[in-house]
């Protein structure tokens, strides 16, 4: 569930916009690519994630289910 006081957008609608902070709920293919950027990430997906990652003025967070095998080198994790 998303807090209704915050806007929710998909990657295709945010091009050219700027937000103070951005939360990204990635697809499985993007999580797989983050863990190993030698895996295939289709060019259209790569472009959409680039747009999403560059919309934030201050910070970006990627939200995904964490388990012990999902540690990603170089990315700080915040566990709830």
PDB file of N, CA and C in Angstrom:
ATOM      1  N   UNK A   1       0.843  -1.171   0.000  1.00  0.00           N
ATOM      2  CA  UNK A   1       0.000   0.000   0.000  1.00  0.00           C
ATOM      3  C   UNK A   1       0.896   1.245   0.000  1.00  0.00           C
ATOM      4  N   UNK A   2       0.492   2.232  -0.754  1.00  0.00           N
ATOM      5  CA  UNK A   2       1.252   3.475  -0.882  1.00  0.00           C
ATOM      6  C   UNK A   2       0.518   4.582  -0.139  1.00  0.00           C
ATOM      7  N   UNK A   3       1.263   5.386   0.600  1.00  0.00           N
ATOM      8  CA  UNK A   3       0.683   6.526   1.301  1.00  0.00           C
ATOM      9  C   UNK A   3       0.117   7.499   0.269  1.00  0.00           C
ATOM     10  N   UNK A   4      -1.137   7.823   0.362  1.00  0.00           N
ATOM     11  CA  UNK A   4      -1.811   8.647  -0.636  1.00  0.00           C
ATOM     12  C   UNK A   4      -1.326  10.100  -0.689  1.00  0.00           C
ATOM     13  N   UNK A   5      -0.589  10.550   0.318  1.00  0.00           N
ATOM     14  CA  UNK A   5      -0.104  11.936   0.269  1.00  0.00           C
ATOM     15  C   UNK A   5       1.134  12.090  -0.629  1.00  0.00           C
ATOM     16  N   UNK A   6       1.665  10.974  -1.140  1.00  0.00           N
ATOM     17  CA  UNK A   6       2.812  11.009  -2.045  1.00  0.00           C
ATOM     18  C   UNK A   6       2.373  10.617  -3.447  1.00  0.00           C
ATOM     19  N   UNK A   7       2.975  11.251  -4.437  1.00  0.00           N
ATOM     20  CA  UNK A   7       2.625  10.906  -5.815  1.00  0.00           C
ATOM     21  C   UNK A   7       3.289   9.590  -6.211  1.00  0.00           C
ATOM     22  N   UNK A   8       2.605   8.860  -7.055  1.00  0.00           N
ATOM     23  CA  UNK A   8       3.107   7.600  -7.581  1.00  0.00           C
ATOM     24  C   UNK A   8       3.125   7.734  -9.096  1.00  0.00           C
ATOM     25  N   UNK A   9       4.264   7.452  -9.684  1.00  0.00           N
ATOM     26  CA  UNK A   9       4.417   7.587 -11.130  1.00  0.00           C
ATOM     27  C   UNK A   9       5.132   6.364 -11.684  1.00  0.00           C
ATOM     28  N   UNK A  10       4.906   6.095 -12.956  1.00  0.00           N
ATOM     29  CA  UNK A  10       5.707   5.056 -13.589  1.00  0.00           C
ATOM     30  C   UNK A  10       6.853   5.730 -14.335  1.00  0.00           C
ATOM     31  N   UNK A  11       7.794   4.933 -14.790  1.00  0.00           N
ATOM     32  CA  UNK A  11       8.999   5.485 -15.406  1.00  0.00           C
ATOM     33  C   UNK A  11       8.686   6.344 -16.619  1.00  0.00           C
ATOM     34  N   UNK A  12       7.652   5.981 -17.347  1.00  0.00           N
ATOM     35  CA  UNK A  12       7.330   6.697 -18.566  1.00  0.00           C
ATOM     36  C   UNK A  12       6.751   8.084 -18.363  1.00  0.00           C
ATOM     37  N   UNK A  13       6.298   8.384 -17.155  1.00  0.00           N
ATOM     38  CA  UNK A  13       5.646   9.679 -16.915  1.00  0.00           C
ATOM     39  C   UNK A  13       6.534  10.691 -16.201  1.00  0.00           C
ATOM     40  N   UNK A  14       7.742  10.309 -15.814  1.00  0.00           N
ATOM     41  CA  UNK A  14       8.570  11.218 -15.016  1.00  0.00           C
ATOM     42  C   UNK A  14       9.708  11.876 -15.795  1.00  0.00           C
ATOM     43  N   UNK A  15       9.855  11.521 -17.048  1.00  0.00           N
ATOM     44  CA  UNK A  15      10.937  12.098 -17.851  1.00  0.00           C
ATOM     45  C   UNK A  15      10.816  13.619 -17.848  1.00  0.00           C
ATOM     46  N   UNK A  16      11.895  14.294 -17.510  1.00  0.00           N
ATOM     47  CA  UNK A  16      11.916  15.750 -17.472  1.00  0.00           C
ATOM     48  C   UNK A  16      11.486  16.347 -16.136  1.00  0.00           C
ATOM     49  N   UNK A  17      11.005  15.519 -15.215  1.00  0.00           N
ATOM     50  CA  UNK A  17      10.569  16.009 -13.900  1.00  0.00           C
ATOM     51  C   UNK A  17      11.685  15.830 -12.877  1.00  0.00           C
ATOM     52  N   UNK A  18      11.593  16.583 -11.773  1.00  0.00           N
ATOM     53  CA  UNK A  18      12.537  16.451 -10.663  1.00  0.00           C
ATOM     54  C   UNK A  18      11.740  16.329  -9.374  1.00  0.00           C
ATOM     55  N   UNK A  19      12.220  15.471  -8.483  1.00  0.00           N
ATOM     56  CA  UNK A  19      11.599  15.256  -7.178  1.00  0.00           C
ATOM     57  C   UNK A  19      12.677  15.370  -6.112  1.00  0.00           C
ATOM     58  N   UNK A  20      12.304  15.755  -4.917  1.00  0.00           N
ATOM     59  CA  UNK A  20      13.278  15.851  -3.821  1.00  0.00           C
ATOM     60  C   UNK A  20      13.912  14.482  -3.565  1.00  0.00           C
ATOM     61  N   UNK A  21      13.071  13.472  -3.417  1.00  0.00           N
ATOM     62  CA  UNK A  21      13.518  12.109  -3.143  1.00  0.00           C
ATOM     63  C   UNK A  21      12.716  11.146  -3.999  1.00  0.00           C
ATOM     64  N   UNK A  22      13.339  10.032  -4.348  1.00  0.00           N
ATOM     65  CA  UNK A  22      12.682   9.048  -5.207  1.00  0.00           C
ATOM     66  C   UNK A  22      12.828   7.664  -4.586  1.00  0.00           C
ATOM     67  N   UNK A  23      11.721   6.928  -4.537  1.00  0.00           N
ATOM     68  CA  UNK A  23      11.725   5.511  -4.175  1.00  0.00           C
ATOM     69  C   UNK A  23      11.431   4.732  -5.439  1.00  0.00           C
ATOM     70  N   UNK A  24      12.247   3.741  -5.725  1.00  0.00           N
ATOM     71  CA  UNK A  24      12.043   2.901  -6.900  1.00  0.00           C
ATOM     72  C   UNK A  24      11.709   1.497  -6.432  1.00  0.00           C
ATOM     73  N   UNK A  25      10.612   0.967  -6.945  1.00  0.00           N
ATOM     74  CA  UNK A  25      10.220  -0.412  -6.715  1.00  0.00           C
ATOM     75  C   UNK A  25      10.563  -1.164  -8.004  1.00  0.00           C
ATOM     76  N   UNK A  26      11.742  -1.777  -8.061  1.00  0.00           N
ATOM     77  CA  UNK A  26      12.235  -2.332  -9.314  1.00  0.00           C
ATOM     78  C   UNK A  26      11.588  -3.661  -9.689  1.00  0.00           C
ATOM     79  N   UNK A  27      11.673  -3.966 -10.966  1.00  0.00           N
ATOM     80  CA  UNK A  27      11.245  -5.272 -11.448  1.00  0.00           C
ATOM     81  C   UNK A  27      12.331  -6.289 -11.131  1.00  0.00           C
ATOM     82  N   UNK A  28      11.983  -7.560 -11.226  1.00  0.00           N
ATOM     83  CA  UNK A  28      12.965  -8.623 -10.970  1.00  0.00           C
ATOM     84  C   UNK A  28      14.171  -8.523 -11.895  1.00  0.00           C
ATOM     85  N   UNK A  29      13.932  -8.153 -13.143  1.00  0.00           N
ATOM     86  CA  UNK A  29      15.036  -8.048 -14.106  1.00  0.00           C
ATOM     87  C   UNK A  29      16.031  -6.963 -13.694  1.00  0.00           C
ATOM     88  N   UNK A  30      15.539  -5.878 -13.111  1.00  0.00           N
ATOM     89  CA  UNK A  30      16.431  -4.806 -12.677  1.00  0.00           C
ATOM     90  C   UNK A  30      17.206  -5.222 -11.429  1.00  0.00           C
ATOM     91  N   UNK A  31      16.557  -5.900 -10.494  1.00  0.00           N
ATOM     92  CA  UNK A  31      17.262  -6.392  -9.301  1.00  0.00           C
ATOM     93  C   UNK A  31      18.370  -7.354  -9.715  1.00  0.00           C
ATOM     94  N   UNK A  32      18.061  -8.241 -10.653  1.00  0.00           N
ATOM     95  CA  UNK A  32      19.064  -9.186 -11.145  1.00  0.00           C
ATOM     96  C   UNK A  32      20.250  -8.430 -11.750  1.00  0.00           C
ATOM     97  N   UNK A  33      19.970  -7.374 -12.500  1.00  0.00           N
ATOM     98  CA  UNK A  33      21.030  -6.580 -13.121  1.00  0.00           C
ATOM     99  C   UNK A  33      21.841  -5.816 -12.080  1.00  0.00           C
ATOM    100  N   UNK A  34      21.189  -5.287 -11.046  1.00  0.00           N
ATOM    101  CA  UNK A  34      21.914  -4.581  -9.982  1.00  0.00           C
ATOM    102  C   UNK A  34      22.894  -5.534  -9.296  1.00  0.00           C
ATOM    103  N   UNK A  35      22.454  -6.755  -9.050  1.00  0.00           N
ATOM    104  CA  UNK A  35      23.309  -7.732  -8.389  1.00  0.00           C
ATOM    105  C   UNK A  35      24.474  -8.170  -9.271  1.00  0.00           C
ATOM    106  N   UNK A  36      24.259  -8.173 -10.569  1.00  0.00           N
ATOM    107  CA  UNK A  36      25.303  -8.587 -11.502  1.00  0.00           C
ATOM    108  C   UNK A  36      25.089  -7.841 -12.814  1.00  0.00           C
ATOM    109  N   UNK A  37      25.814  -6.731 -12.994  1.00  0.00           N
ATOM    110  CA  UNK A  37      25.568  -5.913 -14.175  1.00  0.00           C
ATOM    111  C   UNK A  37      26.148  -6.505 -15.452  1.00  0.00           C
ATOM    112  N   UNK A  38      26.620  -7.752 -15.376  1.00  0.00           N
ATOM    113  CA  UNK A  38      26.994  -8.478 -16.585  1.00  0.00           C
ATOM    114  C   UNK A  38      25.799  -9.215 -17.186  1.00  0.00           C
ATOM    115  N   UNK A  39      24.680  -9.250 -16.459  1.00  0.00           N
ATOM    116  CA  UNK A  39      23.477  -9.867 -16.996  1.00  0.00           C
ATOM    117  C   UNK A  39      22.825  -8.910 -17.989  1.00  0.00           C
ATOM    118  N   UNK A  40      21.938  -9.447 -18.790  1.00  0.00           N
ATOM    119  CA  UNK A  40      21.297  -8.654 -19.834  1.00  0.00           C
ATOM    120  C   UNK A  40      20.228  -7.738 -19.242  1.00  0.00           C
ATOM    121  N   UNK A  41      20.274  -6.482 -19.610  1.00  0.00           N
ATOM    122  CA  UNK A  41      19.228  -5.524 -19.287  1.00  0.00           C
ATOM    123  C   UNK A  41      18.822  -4.887 -20.612  1.00  0.00           C
ATOM    124  N   UNK A  42      17.621  -5.198 -21.099  1.00  0.00           N
ATOM    125  CA  UNK A  42      17.207  -4.677 -22.404  1.00  0.00           C
ATOM    126  C   UNK A  42      17.368  -3.158 -22.479  1.00  0.00           C
ATOM    127  N   UNK A  43      17.742  -2.633 -23.659  1.00  0.00           N
ATOM    128  CA  UNK A  43      17.975  -1.192 -23.817  1.00  0.00           C
ATOM    129  C   UNK A  43      16.795  -0.329 -23.362  1.00  0.00           C
ATOM    130  N   UNK A  44      15.566  -0.748 -23.615  1.00  0.00           N
ATOM    131  CA  UNK A  44      14.423   0.075 -23.184  1.00  0.00           C
ATOM    132  C   UNK A  44      14.328   0.104 -21.662  1.00  0.00           C
ATOM    133  N   UNK A  45      14.599  -1.020 -21.022  1.00  0.00           N
ATOM    134  CA  UNK A  45      14.592  -1.060 -19.550  1.00  0.00           C
ATOM    135  C   UNK A  45      15.717  -0.209 -18.993  1.00  0.00           C
ATOM    136  N   UNK A  46      16.886  -0.306 -19.600  1.00  0.00           N
ATOM    137  CA  UNK A  46      18.043   0.487 -19.164  1.00  0.00           C
ATOM    138  C   UNK A  46      17.722   1.976 -19.227  1.00  0.00           C
ATOM    139  N   UNK A  47      17.092   2.412 -20.306  1.00  0.00           N
ATOM    140  CA  UNK A  47      16.744   3.825 -20.474  1.00  0.00           C
ATOM    141  C   UNK A  47      15.722   4.263 -19.430  1.00  0.00           C
ATOM    142  N   UNK A  48      14.728   3.427 -19.153  1.00  0.00           N
ATOM    143  CA  UNK A  48      13.702   3.782 -18.165  1.00  0.00           C
ATOM    144  C   UNK A  48      14.288   3.874 -16.763  1.00  0.00           C
ATOM    145  N   UNK A  49      15.176   2.945 -16.417  1.00  0.00           N
ATOM    146  CA  UNK A  49      15.794   3.009 -15.093  1.00  0.00           C
ATOM    147  C   UNK A  49      16.734   4.201 -14.981  1.00  0.00           C
ATOM    148  N   UNK A  50      17.411   4.554 -16.056  1.00  0.00           N
ATOM    149  CA  UNK A  50      18.248   5.750 -16.035  1.00  0.00           C
ATOM    150  C   UNK A  50      17.397   6.977 -15.722  1.00  0.00           C
ATOM    151  N   UNK A  51      16.255   7.091 -16.383  1.00  0.00           N
ATOM    152  CA  UNK A  51      15.349   8.218 -16.123  1.00  0.00           C
ATOM    153  C   UNK A  51      14.928   8.211 -14.653  1.00  0.00           C
ATOM    154  N   UNK A  52      14.512   7.050 -14.141  1.00  0.00           N
ATOM    155  CA  UNK A  52      14.052   6.962 -12.751  1.00  0.00           C
ATOM    156  C   UNK A  52      15.166   7.336 -11.766  1.00  0.00           C
ATOM    157  N   UNK A  53      16.366   6.846 -12.011  1.00  0.00           N
ATOM    158  CA  UNK A  53      17.485   7.088 -11.098  1.00  0.00           C
ATOM    159  C   UNK A  53      17.963   8.531 -11.105  1.00  0.00           C
ATOM    160  N   UNK A  54      17.680   9.255 -12.164  1.00  0.00           N
ATOM    161  CA  UNK A  54      18.180  10.630 -12.272  1.00  0.00           C
ATOM    162  C   UNK A  54      17.114  11.685 -11.989  1.00  0.00           C
ATOM    163  N   UNK A  55      15.978  11.305 -11.451  1.00  0.00           N
ATOM    164  CA  UNK A  55      14.908  12.257 -11.154  1.00  0.00           C
ATOM    165  C   UNK A  55      15.064  12.925  -9.796  1.00  0.00           C
ATOM    166  N   UNK A  56      15.869  12.353  -8.906  1.00  0.00           N
ATOM    167  CA  UNK A  56      15.951  12.838  -7.530  1.00  0.00           C
ATOM    168  C   UNK A  56      16.918  13.999  -7.382  1.00  0.00           C
ATOM    169  N   UNK A  57      16.488  14.993  -6.626  1.00  0.00           N
ATOM    170  CA  UNK A  57      17.350  16.121  -6.305  1.00  0.00           C
ATOM    171  C   UNK A  57      18.306  15.766  -5.160  1.00  0.00           C
ATOM    172  N   UNK A  58      17.815  14.980  -4.175  1.00  0.00           N
ATOM    173  CA  UNK A  58      18.625  14.666  -2.998  1.00  0.00           C
ATOM    174  C   UNK A  58      18.973  13.189  -2.833  1.00  0.00           C
ATOM    175  N   UNK A  59      18.000  12.293  -2.988  1.00  0.00           N
ATOM    176  CA  UNK A  59      18.293  10.891  -2.713  1.00  0.00           C
ATOM    177  C   UNK A  59      17.386   9.961  -3.512  1.00  0.00           C
ATOM    178  N   UNK A  60      17.917   8.766  -3.750  1.00  0.00           N
ATOM    179  CA  UNK A  60      17.183   7.692  -4.419  1.00  0.00           C
ATOM    180  C   UNK A  60      17.308   6.446  -3.557  1.00  0.00           C
ATOM    181  N   UNK A  61      16.214   5.730  -3.396  1.00  0.00           N
ATOM    182  CA  UNK A  61      16.239   4.445  -2.704  1.00  0.00           C
ATOM    183  C   UNK A  61      15.552   3.419  -3.586  1.00  0.00           C
ATOM    184  N   UNK A  62      16.118   2.220  -3.592  1.00  0.00           N
ATOM    185  CA  UNK A  62      15.529   1.117  -4.337  1.00  0.00           C
ATOM    186  C   UNK A  62      14.969   0.149  -3.309  1.00  0.00           C
ATOM    187  N   UNK A  63      13.680  -0.132  -3.400  1.00  0.00           N
ATOM    188  CA  UNK A  63      12.983  -0.952  -2.415  1.00  0.00           C
ATOM    189  C   UNK A  63      12.780  -2.354  -2.984  1.00  0.00           C
ATOM    190  N   UNK A  64      13.262  -3.361  -2.248  1.00  0.00           N
ATOM    191  CA  UNK A  64      13.053  -4.733  -2.682  1.00  0.00           C
ATOM    192  C   UNK A  64      13.094  -5.650  -1.478  1.00  0.00           C
ATOM    193  N   UNK A  65      12.581  -6.878  -1.643  1.00  0.00           N
ATOM    194  CA  UNK A  65      12.602  -7.863  -0.567  1.00  0.00           C
ATOM    195  C   UNK A  65      14.033  -8.320  -0.336  1.00  0.00           C
ATOM    196  N   UNK A  66      14.448  -8.274   0.905  1.00  0.00           N
ATOM    197  CA  UNK A  66      15.821  -8.621   1.269  1.00  0.00           C
ATOM    198  C   UNK A  66      15.863 -10.028   1.831  1.00  0.00           C
ATOM    199  N   UNK A  67      16.862 -10.770   1.426  1.00  0.00           N
ATOM    200  CA  UNK A  67      17.208 -12.014   2.100  1.00  0.00           C
ATOM    201  C   UNK A  67      18.730 -12.085   2.157  1.00  0.00           C
ATOM    202  N   UNK A  68      19.265 -13.045   2.867  1.00  0.00           N
ATOM    203  CA  UNK A  68      20.715 -13.097   3.060  1.00  0.00           C
ATOM    204  C   UNK A  68      21.494 -13.201   1.749  1.00  0.00           C
ATOM    205  N   UNK A  69      20.867 -13.715   0.706  1.00  0.00           N
ATOM    206  CA  UNK A  69      21.573 -13.879  -0.564  1.00  0.00           C
ATOM    207  C   UNK A  69      21.470 -12.643  -1.444  1.00  0.00           C
ATOM    208  N   UNK A  70      20.771 -11.608  -0.981  1.00  0.00           N
ATOM    209  CA  UNK A  70      20.557 -10.452  -1.853  1.00  0.00           C
ATOM    210  C   UNK A  70      21.437  -9.250  -1.500  1.00  0.00           C
ATOM    211  N   UNK A  71      22.531  -9.499  -0.812  1.00  0.00           N
ATOM    212  CA  UNK A  71      23.475  -8.423  -0.527  1.00  0.00           C
ATOM    213  C   UNK A  71      24.076  -7.924  -1.833  1.00  0.00           C
ATOM    214  N   UNK A  72      24.167  -6.616  -1.980  1.00  0.00           N
ATOM    215  CA  UNK A  72      24.691  -6.025  -3.200  1.00  0.00           C
ATOM    216  C   UNK A  72      25.896  -5.182  -2.831  1.00  0.00           C
ATOM    217  N   UNK A  73      27.047  -5.566  -3.348  1.00  0.00           N
ATOM    218  CA  UNK A  73      28.287  -4.863  -3.024  1.00  0.00           C
ATOM    219  C   UNK A  73      28.201  -3.397  -3.446  1.00  0.00           C
ATOM    220  N   UNK A  74      28.587  -2.503  -2.538  1.00  0.00           N
ATOM    221  CA  UNK A  74      28.614  -1.077  -2.834  1.00  0.00           C
ATOM    222  C   UNK A  74      27.297  -0.358  -2.599  1.00  0.00           C
ATOM    223  N   UNK A  75      26.272  -1.083  -2.177  1.00  0.00           N
ATOM    224  CA  UNK A  75      24.981  -0.456  -1.914  1.00  0.00           C
ATOM    225  C   UNK A  75      24.644  -0.622  -0.442  1.00  0.00           C
ATOM    226  N   UNK A  76      24.391   0.477   0.214  1.00  0.00           N
ATOM    227  CA  UNK A  76      24.044   0.456   1.630  1.00  0.00           C
ATOM    228  C   UNK A  76      22.600   0.006   1.795  1.00  0.00           C
ATOM    229  N   UNK A  77      22.378  -0.891   2.719  1.00  0.00           N
ATOM    230  CA  UNK A  77      21.034  -1.425   2.930  1.00  0.00           C
ATOM    231  C   UNK A  77      20.457  -0.914   4.240  1.00  0.00           C
ATOM    232  N   UNK A  78      19.190  -0.584   4.195  1.00  0.00           N
ATOM    233  CA  UNK A  78      18.453  -0.172   5.381  1.00  0.00           C
ATOM    234  C   UNK A  78      17.356  -1.197   5.585  1.00  0.00           C
ATOM    235  N   UNK A  79      17.417  -1.873   6.724  1.00  0.00           N
ATOM    236  CA  UNK A  79      16.442  -2.911   7.010  1.00  0.00           C
ATOM    237  C   UNK A  79      15.433  -2.397   8.008  1.00  0.00           C
ATOM    238  N   UNK A  80      14.174  -2.695   7.748  1.00  0.00           N
ATOM    239  CA  UNK A  80      13.100  -2.282   8.644  1.00  0.00           C
ATOM    240  C   UNK A  80      12.831  -3.368   9.645  1.00  0.00           C
TER     241      UNK A  80
END
